[in-house]
Amino acid sequence: MLLSDLNALMTQMQTEFPEYAKVQAMGKSFEGRDINLLEISAPSAPEEKKPAIFMTGATHARELISTSINMYKALKLLQQGVVDKDPATAKLLKDNKYYFVPALNVDGLALIE
């Protein structure tokens, strides 16, 4: 999955599920690209603390399957927990925060596009 595709998919998830998904840059790469993070969780009070689950991908540029696994897991959480209203997945979203960084090495991934 290309870096531009990853960013577009994360933005689309934020647009379609604004109460559950939020995209933010967690930093900049050496070459100045945003390293984007997708946070997924059910709405909660701002002071409520939840355990966090952190998933990364593309630590090395050619680990392409790791970007797809990240996005698959994020989409699955939203599909099952929000769209399908599966009680077990909805509880996971209510009780936890999920952080997905599908491309940690954004410079390397951009080079193979």
PDB file of N, CA and C in Angstrom:
ATOM      1  N   MET A   1       0.852  -1.170   0.000  1.00  0.00           N
ATOM      2  CA  MET A   1       0.000   0.000   0.000  1.00  0.00           C
ATOM      3  C   MET A   1       0.903   1.240   0.000  1.00  0.00           C
ATOM      4  N   LEU A   2       0.616   2.155  -0.885  1.00  0.00           N
ATOM      5  CA  LEU A   2       1.408   3.370  -1.009  1.00  0.00           C
ATOM      6  C   LEU A   2       1.143   4.318   0.165  1.00  0.00           C
ATOM      7  N   LEU A   3       2.117   5.167   0.443  1.00  0.00           N
ATOM      8  CA  LEU A   3       1.981   6.131   1.532  1.00  0.00           C
ATOM      9  C   LEU A   3       0.780   7.051   1.299  1.00  0.00           C
ATOM     10  N   SER A   4       0.598   7.505   0.079  1.00  0.00           N
ATOM     11  CA  SER A   4      -0.541   8.376  -0.221  1.00  0.00           C
ATOM     12  C   SER A   4      -1.864   7.640  -0.007  1.00  0.00           C
ATOM     13  N   ASP A   5      -1.907   6.347  -0.322  1.00  0.00           N
ATOM     14  CA  ASP A   5      -3.113   5.541  -0.097  1.00  0.00           C
ATOM     15  C   ASP A   5      -3.394   5.385   1.400  1.00  0.00           C
ATOM     16  N   LEU A   6      -2.345   5.156   2.179  1.00  0.00           N
ATOM     17  CA  LEU A   6      -2.510   5.022   3.638  1.00  0.00           C
ATOM     18  C   LEU A   6      -3.084   6.297   4.235  1.00  0.00           C
ATOM     19  N   ASN A   7      -2.496   7.425   3.849  1.00  0.00           N
ATOM     20  CA  ASN A   7      -2.968   8.702   4.391  1.00  0.00           C
ATOM     21  C   ASN A   7      -4.403   8.986   3.970  1.00  0.00           C
ATOM     22  N   ALA A   8      -4.734   8.669   2.722  1.00  0.00           N
ATOM     23  CA  ALA A   8      -6.107   8.889   2.243  1.00  0.00           C
ATOM     24  C   ALA A   8      -7.093   7.983   2.986  1.00  0.00           C
ATOM     25  N   LEU A   9      -6.718   6.734   3.227  1.00  0.00           N
ATOM     26  CA  LEU A   9      -7.600   5.807   3.929  1.00  0.00           C
ATOM     27  C   LEU A   9      -7.814   6.246   5.374  1.00  0.00           C
ATOM     28  N   MET A  10      -6.755   6.687   6.050  1.00  0.00           N
ATOM     29  CA  MET A  10      -6.908   7.156   7.429  1.00  0.00           C
ATOM     30  C   MET A  10      -7.796   8.402   7.485  1.00  0.00           C
ATOM     31  N   THR A  11      -7.620   9.300   6.536  1.00  0.00           N
ATOM     32  CA  THR A  11      -8.456  10.496   6.476  1.00  0.00           C
ATOM     33  C   THR A  11      -9.915  10.128   6.212  1.00  0.00           C
ATOM     34  N   GLN A  12     -10.131   9.152   5.356  1.00  0.00           N
ATOM     35  CA  GLN A  12     -11.496   8.709   5.063  1.00  0.00           C
ATOM     36  C   GLN A  12     -12.146   8.092   6.308  1.00  0.00           C
ATOM     37  N   MET A  13     -11.387   7.316   7.068  1.00  0.00           N
ATOM     38  CA  MET A  13     -11.940   6.739   8.303  1.00  0.00           C
ATOM     39  C   MET A  13     -12.327   7.843   9.281  1.00  0.00           C
ATOM     40  N   GLN A  14     -11.491   8.869   9.388  1.00  0.00           N
ATOM     41  CA  GLN A  14     -11.803  10.000  10.264  1.00  0.00           C
ATOM     42  C   GLN A  14     -13.052  10.727   9.787  1.00  0.00           C
ATOM     43  N   THR A  15     -13.200  10.875   8.479  1.00  0.00           N
ATOM     44  CA  THR A  15     -14.362  11.562   7.908  1.00  0.00           C
ATOM     45  C   THR A  15     -15.640  10.760   8.128  1.00  0.00           C
ATOM     46  N   GLU A  16     -15.571   9.455   7.926  1.00  0.00           N
ATOM     47  CA  GLU A  16     -16.765   8.619   8.026  1.00  0.00           C
ATOM     48  C   GLU A  16     -17.131   8.252   9.465  1.00  0.00           C
ATOM     49  N   PHE A  17     -16.164   8.256  10.362  1.00  0.00           N
ATOM     50  CA  PHE A  17     -16.401   7.903  11.768  1.00  0.00           C
ATOM     51  C   PHE A  17     -15.787   8.960  12.688  1.00  0.00           C
ATOM     52  N   PRO A  18     -16.260  10.210  12.599  1.00  0.00           N
ATOM     53  CA  PRO A  18     -15.598  11.296  13.341  1.00  0.00           C
ATOM     54  C   PRO A  18     -15.627  11.136  14.860  1.00  0.00           C
ATOM     55  N   GLU A  19     -16.585  10.412  15.404  1.00  0.00           N
ATOM     56  CA  GLU A  19     -16.627  10.215  16.854  1.00  0.00           C
ATOM     57  C   GLU A  19     -15.665   9.118  17.307  1.00  0.00           C
ATOM     58  N   TYR A  20     -15.211   8.296  16.384  1.00  0.00           N
ATOM     59  CA  TYR A  20     -14.388   7.139  16.733  1.00  0.00           C
ATOM     60  C   TYR A  20     -12.949   7.225  16.240  1.00  0.00           C
ATOM     61  N   ALA A  21     -12.705   7.893  15.131  1.00  0.00           N
ATOM     62  CA  ALA A  21     -11.380   7.894  14.506  1.00  0.00           C
ATOM     63  C   ALA A  21     -10.828   9.312  14.391  1.00  0.00           C
ATOM     64  N   LYS A  22      -9.543   9.427  14.712  1.00  0.00           N
ATOM     65  CA  LYS A  22      -8.881  10.730  14.651  1.00  0.00           C
ATOM     66  C   LYS A  22      -7.475  10.526  14.097  1.00  0.00           C
ATOM     67  N   VAL A  23      -7.117  11.313  13.086  1.00  0.00           N
ATOM     68  CA  VAL A  23      -5.784  11.252  12.493  1.00  0.00           C
ATOM     69  C   VAL A  23      -4.989  12.453  12.979  1.00  0.00           C
ATOM     70  N   GLN A  24      -3.753  12.211  13.341  1.00  0.00           N
ATOM     71  CA  GLN A  24      -2.876  13.309  13.729  1.00  0.00           C
ATOM     72  C   GLN A  24      -1.436  12.948  13.383  1.00  0.00           C
ATOM     73  N   ALA A  25      -0.636  13.951  13.133  1.00  0.00           N
ATOM     74  CA  ALA A  25       0.789  13.729  12.882  1.00  0.00           C
ATOM     75  C   ALA A  25       1.478  13.567  14.226  1.00  0.00           C
ATOM     76  N   MET A  26       2.219  12.483  14.382  1.00  0.00           N
ATOM     77  CA  MET A  26       2.928  12.274  15.649  1.00  0.00           C
ATOM     78  C   MET A  26       4.354  12.786  15.570  1.00  0.00           C
ATOM     79  N   GLY A  27       4.729  13.254  14.397  1.00  0.00           N
ATOM     80  CA  GLY A  27       6.058  13.804  14.221  1.00  0.00           C
ATOM     81  C   GLY A  27       6.380  13.933  12.750  1.00  0.00           C
ATOM     82  N   LYS A  28       7.594  14.341  12.471  1.00  0.00           N
ATOM     83  CA  LYS A  28       8.076  14.498  11.101  1.00  0.00           C
ATOM     84  C   LYS A  28       9.229  13.533  10.867  1.00  0.00           C
ATOM     85  N   SER A  29       9.333  13.082   9.635  1.00  0.00           N
ATOM     86  CA  SER A  29      10.444  12.220   9.252  1.00  0.00           C
ATOM     87  C   SER A  29      11.681  13.081   8.980  1.00  0.00           C
ATOM     88  N   PHE A  30      12.796  12.424   8.715  1.00  0.00           N
ATOM     89  CA  PHE A  30      14.031  13.126   8.401  1.00  0.00           C
ATOM     90  C   PHE A  30      13.845  14.020   7.181  1.00  0.00           C
ATOM     91  N   GLU A  31      13.055  13.551   6.209  1.00  0.00           N
ATOM     92  CA  GLU A  31      12.826  14.312   4.983  1.00  0.00           C
ATOM     93  C   GLU A  31      11.617  15.247   5.077  1.00  0.00           C
ATOM     94  N   GLY A  32      11.031  15.367   6.259  1.00  0.00           N
ATOM     95  CA  GLY A  32       9.966  16.332   6.477  1.00  0.00           C
ATOM     96  C   GLY A  32       8.548  15.836   6.238  1.00  0.00           C
ATOM     97  N   ARG A  33       8.377  14.528   6.046  1.00  0.00           N
ATOM     98  CA  ARG A  33       7.024  13.986   5.860  1.00  0.00           C
ATOM     99  C   ARG A  33       6.363  13.767   7.219  1.00  0.00           C
ATOM    100  N   ASP A  34       5.039  13.921   7.246  1.00  0.00           N
ATOM    101  CA  ASP A  34       4.289  13.616   8.468  1.00  0.00           C
ATOM    102  C   ASP A  34       4.280  12.116   8.726  1.00  0.00           C
ATOM    103  N   ILE A  35       4.482  11.738   9.976  1.00  0.00           N
ATOM    104  CA  ILE A  35       4.294  10.357  10.417  1.00  0.00           C
ATOM    105  C   ILE A  35       2.929  10.349  11.091  1.00  0.00           C
ATOM    106  N   ASN A  36       1.952   9.819  10.373  1.00  0.00           N
ATOM    107  CA  ASN A  36       0.570   9.901  10.839  1.00  0.00           C
ATOM    108  C   ASN A  36       0.186   8.748  11.754  1.00  0.00           C
ATOM    109  N   LEU A  37      -0.643   9.096  12.708  1.00  0.00           N
ATOM    110  CA  LEU A  37      -1.158   8.161  13.689  1.00  0.00           C
ATOM    111  C   LEU A  37      -2.681   8.212  13.611  1.00  0.00           C
ATOM    112  N   LEU A  38      -3.305   7.046  13.639  1.00  0.00           N
ATOM    113  CA  LEU A  38      -4.760   6.945  13.646  1.00  0.00           C
ATOM    114  C   LEU A  38      -5.177   6.426  15.015  1.00  0.00           C
ATOM    115  N   GLU A  39      -5.967   7.226  15.722  1.00  0.00           N
ATOM    116  CA  GLU A  39      -6.488   6.829  17.033  1.00  0.00           C
ATOM    117  C   GLU A  39      -7.929   6.384  16.855  1.00  0.00           C
ATOM    118  N   ILE A  40      -8.251   5.206  17.388  1.00  0.00           N
ATOM    119  CA  ILE A  40      -9.618   4.693  17.319  1.00  0.00           C
ATOM    120  C   ILE A  40     -10.066   4.316  18.722  1.00  0.00           C
ATOM    121  N   SER A  41     -11.229   4.827  19.109  1.00  0.00           N
ATOM    122  CA  SER A  41     -11.817   4.531  20.409  1.00  0.00           C
ATOM    123  C   SER A  41     -13.251   5.032  20.418  1.00  0.00           C
ATOM    124  N   ALA A  42     -14.066   4.450  21.259  1.00  0.00           N
ATOM    125  CA  ALA A  42     -15.436   4.934  21.420  1.00  0.00           C
ATOM    126  C   ALA A  42     -15.391   6.270  22.158  1.00  0.00           C
ATOM    127  N   PRO A  43     -16.356   7.138  21.902  1.00  0.00           N
ATOM    128  CA  PRO A  43     -16.396   8.422  22.606  1.00  0.00           C
ATOM    129  C   PRO A  43     -16.438   8.205  24.122  1.00  0.00           C
ATOM    130  N   SER A  44     -15.733   9.059  24.847  1.00  0.00           N
ATOM    131  CA  SER A  44     -15.707   8.976  26.312  1.00  0.00           C
ATOM    132  C   SER A  44     -15.435  10.359  26.880  1.00  0.00           C
ATOM    133  N   ALA A  45     -15.580  10.461  28.170  1.00  0.00           N
ATOM    134  CA  ALA A  45     -15.286  11.720  28.851  1.00  0.00           C
ATOM    135  C   ALA A  45     -13.791  12.024  28.720  1.00  0.00           C
ATOM    136  N   PRO A  46     -13.419  13.299  28.561  1.00  0.00           N
ATOM    137  CA  PRO A  46     -12.003  13.652  28.366  1.00  0.00           C
ATOM    138  C   PRO A  46     -11.094  13.171  29.494  1.00  0.00           C
ATOM    139  N   GLU A  47     -11.605  13.129  30.703  1.00  0.00           N
ATOM    140  CA  GLU A  47     -10.754  12.733  31.833  1.00  0.00           C
ATOM    141  C   GLU A  47     -10.668  11.208  32.007  1.00  0.00           C
ATOM    142  N   GLU A  48     -11.471  10.473  31.260  1.00  0.00           N
ATOM    143  CA  GLU A  48     -11.466   9.019  31.381  1.00  0.00           C
ATOM    144  C   GLU A  48     -10.178   8.435  30.797  1.00  0.00           C
ATOM    145  N   LYS A  49      -9.504   7.635  31.585  1.00  0.00           N
ATOM    146  CA  LYS A  49      -8.270   6.983  31.153  1.00  0.00           C
ATOM    147  C   LYS A  49      -8.599   5.578  30.664  1.00  0.00           C
ATOM    148  N   LYS A  50      -7.995   5.189  29.540  1.00  0.00           N
ATOM    149  CA  LYS A  50      -8.200   3.873  28.970  1.00  0.00           C
ATOM    150  C   LYS A  50      -6.849   3.243  28.663  1.00  0.00           C
ATOM    151  N   PRO A  51      -6.753   1.915  28.767  1.00  0.00           N
ATOM    152  CA  PRO A  51      -5.529   1.254  28.304  1.00  0.00           C
ATOM    153  C   PRO A  51      -5.346   1.500  26.810  1.00  0.00           C
ATOM    154  N   ALA A  52      -4.099   1.546  26.387  1.00  0.00           N
ATOM    155  CA  ALA A  52      -3.797   1.807  24.983  1.00  0.00           C
ATOM    156  C   ALA A  52      -3.140   0.598  24.335  1.00  0.00           C
ATOM    157  N   ILE A  53      -3.498   0.378  23.084  1.00  0.00           N
ATOM    158  CA  ILE A  53      -2.894  -0.667  22.269  1.00  0.00           C
ATOM    159  C   ILE A  53      -2.275   0.049  21.074  1.00  0.00           C
ATOM    160  N   PHE A  54      -0.986  -0.170  20.870  1.00  0.00           N
ATOM    161  CA  PHE A  54      -0.215   0.562  19.868  1.00  0.00           C
ATOM    162  C   PHE A  54       0.298  -0.408  18.813  1.00  0.00           C
ATOM    163  N   MET A  55      -0.045  -0.159  17.550  1.00  0.00           N
ATOM    164  CA  MET A  55       0.362  -1.020  16.443  1.00  0.00           C
ATOM    165  C   MET A  55       1.125  -0.202  15.416  1.00  0.00           C
ATOM    166  N   THR A  56       2.289  -0.675  15.027  1.00  0.00           N
ATOM    167  CA  THR A  56       3.070   0.028  14.000  1.00  0.00           C
ATOM    168  C   THR A  56       3.303  -0.875  12.796  1.00  0.00           C
ATOM    169  N   GLY A  57       3.624  -0.255  11.705  1.00  0.00           N
ATOM    170  CA  GLY A  57       3.971  -0.986  10.491  1.00  0.00           C
ATOM    171  C   GLY A  57       5.045  -0.245   9.737  1.00  0.00           C
ATOM    172  N   ALA A  58       5.564  -0.885   8.715  1.00  0.00           N
ATOM    173  CA  ALA A  58       6.588  -0.304   7.828  1.00  0.00           C
ATOM    174  C   ALA A  58       7.721   0.350   8.610  1.00  0.00           C
ATOM    175  N   THR A  59       8.231  -0.379   9.589  1.00  0.00           N
ATOM    176  CA  THR A  59       9.422   0.100  10.291  1.00  0.00           C
ATOM    177  C   THR A  59      10.586   0.160   9.298  1.00  0.00           C
ATOM    178  N   HIS A  60      10.593  -0.806   8.400  1.00  0.00           N
ATOM    179  CA  HIS A  60      11.542  -0.828   7.286  1.00  0.00           C
ATOM    180  C   HIS A  60      10.729  -0.641   6.005  1.00  0.00           C
ATOM    181  N   ALA A  61      11.288   0.019   5.038  1.00  0.00           N
ATOM    182  CA  ALA A  61      10.539   0.461   3.857  1.00  0.00           C
ATOM    183  C   ALA A  61       9.815  -0.653   3.115  1.00  0.00           C
ATOM    184  N   ARG A  62      10.387  -1.814   3.023  1.00  0.00           N
ATOM    185  CA  ARG A  62       9.791  -2.861   2.179  1.00  0.00           C
ATOM    186  C   ARG A  62       8.929  -3.843   2.962  1.00  0.00           C
ATOM    187  N   GLU A  63       8.532  -3.509   4.156  1.00  0.00           N
ATOM    188  CA  GLU A  63       7.629  -4.356   4.943  1.00  0.00           C
ATOM    189  C   GLU A  63       6.183  -3.992   4.608  1.00  0.00           C
ATOM    190  N   LEU A  64       5.811  -4.171   3.362  1.00  0.00           N
ATOM    191  CA  LEU A  64       4.529  -3.676   2.874  1.00  0.00           C
ATOM    192  C   LEU A  64       3.335  -4.368   3.521  1.00  0.00           C
ATOM    193  N   ILE A  65       3.450  -5.642   3.834  1.00  0.00           N
ATOM    194  CA  ILE A  65       2.305  -6.342   4.424  1.00  0.00           C
ATOM    195  C   ILE A  65       1.953  -5.750   5.787  1.00  0.00           C
ATOM    196  N   SER A  66       2.931  -5.199   6.491  1.00  0.00           N
ATOM    197  CA  SER A  66       2.653  -4.648   7.820  1.00  0.00           C
ATOM    198  C   SER A  66       1.759  -3.410   7.753  1.00  0.00           C
ATOM    199  N   THR A  67       1.819  -2.661   6.665  1.00  0.00           N
ATOM    200  CA  THR A  67       0.926  -1.516   6.520  1.00  0.00           C
ATOM    201  C   THR A  67      -0.500  -1.993   6.292  1.00  0.00           C
ATOM    202  N   SER A  68      -0.647  -3.041   5.500  1.00  0.00           N
ATOM    203  CA  SER A  68      -1.978  -3.587   5.213  1.00  0.00           C
ATOM    204  C   SER A  68      -2.610  -4.210   6.449  1.00  0.00           C
ATOM    205  N   ILE A  69      -1.813  -4.887   7.252  1.00  0.00           N
ATOM    206  CA  ILE A  69      -2.339  -5.494   8.483  1.00  0.00           C
ATOM    207  C   ILE A  69      -2.842  -4.408   9.427  1.00  0.00           C
ATOM    208  N   ASN A  70      -2.096  -3.326   9.554  1.00  0.00           N
ATOM    209  CA  ASN A  70      -2.522  -2.196  10.390  1.00  0.00           C
ATOM    210  C   ASN A  70      -3.879  -1.670   9.942  1.00  0.00           C
ATOM    211  N   MET A  71      -4.020  -1.415   8.663  1.00  0.00           N
ATOM    212  CA  MET A  71      -5.261  -0.854   8.148  1.00  0.00           C
ATOM    213  C   MET A  71      -6.409  -1.861   8.231  1.00  0.00           C
ATOM    214  N   TYR A  72      -6.112  -3.131   8.015  1.00  0.00           N
ATOM    215  CA  TYR A  72      -7.140  -4.171   8.139  1.00  0.00           C
ATOM    216  C   TYR A  72      -7.695  -4.201   9.561  1.00  0.00           C
ATOM    217  N   LYS A  73      -6.816  -4.175  10.545  1.00  0.00           N
ATOM    218  CA  LYS A  73      -7.254  -4.217  11.951  1.00  0.00           C
ATOM    219  C   LYS A  73      -8.061  -2.970  12.311  1.00  0.00           C
ATOM    220  N   ALA A  74      -7.640  -1.809  11.836  1.00  0.00           N
ATOM    221  CA  ALA A  74      -8.372  -0.568  12.116  1.00  0.00           C
ATOM    222  C   ALA A  74      -9.763  -0.610  11.472  1.00  0.00           C
ATOM    223  N   LEU A  75      -9.816  -1.012  10.214  1.00  0.00           N
ATOM    224  CA  LEU A  75     -11.107  -1.106   9.518  1.00  0.00           C
ATOM    225  C   LEU A  75     -12.018  -2.145  10.163  1.00  0.00           C
ATOM    226  N   LYS A  76     -11.440  -3.244  10.584  1.00  0.00           N
ATOM    227  CA  LYS A  76     -12.223  -4.305  11.227  1.00  0.00           C
ATOM    228  C   LYS A  76     -12.841  -3.815  12.537  1.00  0.00           C
ATOM    229  N   LEU A  77     -12.088  -3.062  13.324  1.00  0.00           N
ATOM    230  CA  LEU A  77     -12.630  -2.493  14.559  1.00  0.00           C
ATOM    231  C   LEU A  77     -13.828  -1.595  14.275  1.00  0.00           C
ATOM    232  N   LEU A  78     -13.690  -0.719  13.288  1.00  0.00           N
ATOM    233  CA  LEU A  78     -14.777   0.196  12.961  1.00  0.00           C
ATOM    234  C   LEU A  78     -15.973  -0.542  12.347  1.00  0.00           C
ATOM    235  N   GLN A  79     -15.700  -1.471  11.449  1.00  0.00           N
ATOM    236  CA  GLN A  79     -16.781  -2.211  10.799  1.00  0.00           C
ATOM    237  C   GLN A  79     -17.578  -3.029  11.818  1.00  0.00           C
ATOM    238  N   GLN A  80     -16.866  -3.825  12.619  1.00  0.00           N
ATOM    239  CA  GLN A  80     -17.563  -4.705  13.555  1.00  0.00           C
ATOM    240  C   GLN A  80     -18.138  -3.947  14.747  1.00  0.00           C
ATOM    241  N   GLY A  81     -17.392  -2.988  15.262  1.00  0.00           N
ATOM    242  CA  GLY A  81     -17.821  -2.302  16.475  1.00  0.00           C
ATOM    243  C   GLY A  81     -18.838  -1.205  16.268  1.00  0.00           C
ATOM    244  N   VAL A  82     -18.769  -0.507  15.126  1.00  0.00           N
ATOM    245  CA  VAL A  82     -19.655   0.639  14.891  1.00  0.00           C
ATOM    246  C   VAL A  82     -20.752   0.284  13.882  1.00  0.00           C
ATOM    247  N   VAL A  83     -20.365  -0.241  12.737  1.00  0.00           N
ATOM    248  CA  VAL A  83     -21.342  -0.528  11.684  1.00  0.00           C
ATOM    249  C   VAL A  83     -22.182  -1.755  12.033  1.00  0.00           C
ATOM    250  N   ASP A  84     -21.509  -2.884  12.347  1.00  0.00           N
ATOM    251  CA  ASP A  84     -22.222  -4.135  12.649  1.00  0.00           C
ATOM    252  C   ASP A  84     -22.750  -4.188  14.082  1.00  0.00           C
ATOM    253  N   LYS A  85     -22.245  -3.299  14.926  1.00  0.00           N
ATOM    254  CA  LYS A  85     -22.633  -3.236  16.346  1.00  0.00           C
ATOM    255  C   LYS A  85     -22.439  -4.574  17.071  1.00  0.00           C
ATOM    256  N   ASP A  86     -21.322  -5.228  16.761  1.00  0.00           N
ATOM    257  CA  ASP A  86     -20.961  -6.459  17.456  1.00  0.00           C
ATOM    258  C   ASP A  86     -20.651  -6.118  18.907  1.00  0.00           C
ATOM    259  N   PRO A  87     -21.340  -6.730  19.880  1.00  0.00           N
ATOM    260  CA  PRO A  87     -21.163  -6.344  21.289  1.00  0.00           C
ATOM    261  C   PRO A  87     -19.725  -6.507  21.797  1.00  0.00           C
ATOM    262  N   ALA A  88     -19.049  -7.568  21.395  1.00  0.00           N
ATOM    263  CA  ALA A  88     -17.678  -7.794  21.881  1.00  0.00           C
ATOM    264  C   ALA A  88     -16.727  -6.717  21.351  1.00  0.00           C
ATOM    265  N   THR A  89     -16.849  -6.378  20.075  1.00  0.00           N
ATOM    266  CA  THR A  89     -15.973  -5.361  19.487  1.00  0.00           C
ATOM    267  C   THR A  89     -16.338  -3.971  20.000  1.00  0.00           C
ATOM    268  N   ALA A  90     -17.628  -3.701  20.171  1.00  0.00           N
ATOM    269  CA  ALA A  90     -18.052  -2.413  20.735  1.00  0.00           C
ATOM    270  C   ALA A  90     -17.469  -2.231  22.135  1.00  0.00           C
ATOM    271  N   LYS A  91     -17.406  -3.313  22.903  1.00  0.00           N
ATOM    272  CA  LYS A  91     -16.813  -3.244  24.249  1.00  0.00           C
ATOM    273  C   LYS A  91     -15.312  -2.964  24.174  1.00  0.00           C
ATOM    274  N   LEU A  92     -14.634  -3.568  23.202  1.00  0.00           N
ATOM    275  CA  LEU A  92     -13.210  -3.282  23.008  1.00  0.00           C
ATOM    276  C   LEU A  92     -12.988  -1.800  22.718  1.00  0.00           C
ATOM    277  N   LEU A  93     -13.845  -1.229  21.877  1.00  0.00           N
ATOM    278  CA  LEU A  93     -13.730   0.199  21.557  1.00  0.00           C
ATOM    279  C   LEU A  93     -14.047   1.076  22.768  1.00  0.00           C
ATOM    280  N   LYS A  94     -14.996   0.636  23.573  1.00  0.00           N
ATOM    281  CA  LYS A  94     -15.390   1.407  24.763  1.00  0.00           C
ATOM    282  C   LYS A  94     -14.301   1.369  25.831  1.00  0.00           C
ATOM    283  N   ASP A  95     -13.648   0.224  25.972  1.00  0.00           N
ATOM    284  CA  ASP A  95     -12.700   0.020  27.069  1.00  0.00           C
ATOM    285  C   ASP A  95     -11.256   0.379  26.748  1.00  0.00           C
ATOM    286  N   ASN A  96     -10.915   0.545  25.475  1.00  0.00           N
ATOM    287  CA  ASN A  96      -9.517   0.736  25.068  1.00  0.00           C
ATOM    288  C   ASN A  96      -9.374   1.862  24.060  1.00  0.00           C
ATOM    289  N   LYS A  97      -8.129   2.337  23.927  1.00  0.00           N
ATOM    290  CA  LYS A  97      -7.756   3.231  22.828  1.00  0.00           C
ATOM    291  C   LYS A  97      -6.783   2.451  21.950  1.00  0.00           C
ATOM    292  N   TYR A  98      -6.975   2.576  20.657  1.00  0.00           N
ATOM    293  CA  TYR A  98      -6.112   1.903  19.699  1.00  0.00           C
ATOM    294  C   TYR A  98      -5.365   2.963  18.911  1.00  0.00           C
ATOM    295  N   TYR A  99      -4.059   2.798  18.823  1.00  0.00           N
ATOM    296  CA  TYR A  99      -3.223   3.716  18.064  1.00  0.00           C
ATOM    297  C   TYR A  99      -2.558   2.920  16.941  1.00  0.00           C
ATOM    298  N   PHE A 100      -2.794   3.348  15.708  1.00  0.00           N
ATOM    299  CA  PHE A 100      -2.231   2.695  14.542  1.00  0.00           C
ATOM    300  C   PHE A 100      -1.284   3.647  13.837  1.00  0.00           C
ATOM    301  N   VAL A 101      -0.055   3.201  13.633  1.00  0.00           N
ATOM    302  CA  VAL A 101       0.919   3.939  12.819  1.00  0.00           C
ATOM    303  C   VAL A 101       1.303   2.970  11.702  1.00  0.00           C
ATOM    304  N   PRO A 102       0.551   2.996  10.601  1.00  0.00           N
ATOM    305  CA  PRO A 102       0.780   1.994   9.566  1.00  0.00           C
ATOM    306  C   PRO A 102       2.115   2.142   8.846  1.00  0.00           C
ATOM    307  N   ALA A 103       2.696   3.326   8.861  1.00  0.00           N
ATOM    308  CA  ALA A 103       3.994   3.549   8.219  1.00  0.00           C
ATOM    309  C   ALA A 103       4.873   4.383   9.138  1.00  0.00           C
ATOM    310  N   LEU A 104       5.784   3.719   9.813  1.00  0.00           N
ATOM    311  CA  LEU A 104       6.722   4.419  10.677  1.00  0.00           C
ATOM    312  C   LEU A 104       7.850   5.027   9.833  1.00  0.00           C
ATOM    313  N   ASN A 105       8.325   4.274   8.864  1.00  0.00           N
ATOM    314  CA  ASN A 105       9.381   4.751   7.969  1.00  0.00           C
ATOM    315  C   ASN A 105       8.740   5.336   6.707  1.00  0.00           C
ATOM    316  N   VAL A 106       8.166   6.518   6.852  1.00  0.00           N
ATOM    317  CA  VAL A 106       7.447   7.133   5.723  1.00  0.00           C
ATOM    318  C   VAL A 106       8.388   7.527   4.580  1.00  0.00           C
ATOM    319  N   ASP A 107       9.611   7.891   4.893  1.00  0.00           N
ATOM    320  CA  ASP A 107      10.567   8.240   3.839  1.00  0.00           C
ATOM    321  C   ASP A 107      10.893   7.022   2.988  1.00  0.00           C
ATOM    322  N   GLY A 108      11.169   5.913   3.628  1.00  0.00           N
ATOM    323  CA  GLY A 108      11.471   4.689   2.900  1.00  0.00           C
ATOM    324  C   GLY A 108      10.292   4.207   2.080  1.00  0.00           C
ATOM    325  N   LEU A 109       9.096   4.290   2.660  1.00  0.00           N
ATOM    326  CA  LEU A 109       7.903   3.856   1.933  1.00  0.00           C
ATOM    327  C   LEU A 109       7.637   4.753   0.733  1.00  0.00           C
ATOM    328  N   ALA A 110       7.880   6.048   0.868  1.00  0.00           N
ATOM    329  CA  ALA A 110       7.677   6.981  -0.248  1.00  0.00           C
ATOM    330  C   ALA A 110       8.654   6.695  -1.388  1.00  0.00           C
ATOM    331  N   LEU A 111       9.836   6.184  -1.081  1.00  0.00           N
ATOM    332  CA  LEU A 111      10.821   5.895  -2.118  1.00  0.00           C
ATOM    333  C   LEU A 111      10.434   4.720  -2.997  1.00  0.00           C
ATOM    334  N   ILE A 112       9.619   3.801  -2.487  1.00  0.00           N
ATOM    335  CA  ILE A 112       9.268   2.634  -3.292  1.00  0.00           C
ATOM    336  C   ILE A 112       7.920   2.807  -3.998  1.00  0.00           C
ATOM    337  N   GLU A 113       7.329   4.000  -3.903  1.00  0.00           N
ATOM    338  CA  GLU A 113       6.035   4.242  -4.583  1.00  0.00           C
ATOM    339  C   GLU A 113       6.196   4.228  -6.073  1.00  0.00           C
TER     340      GLU A 113
END
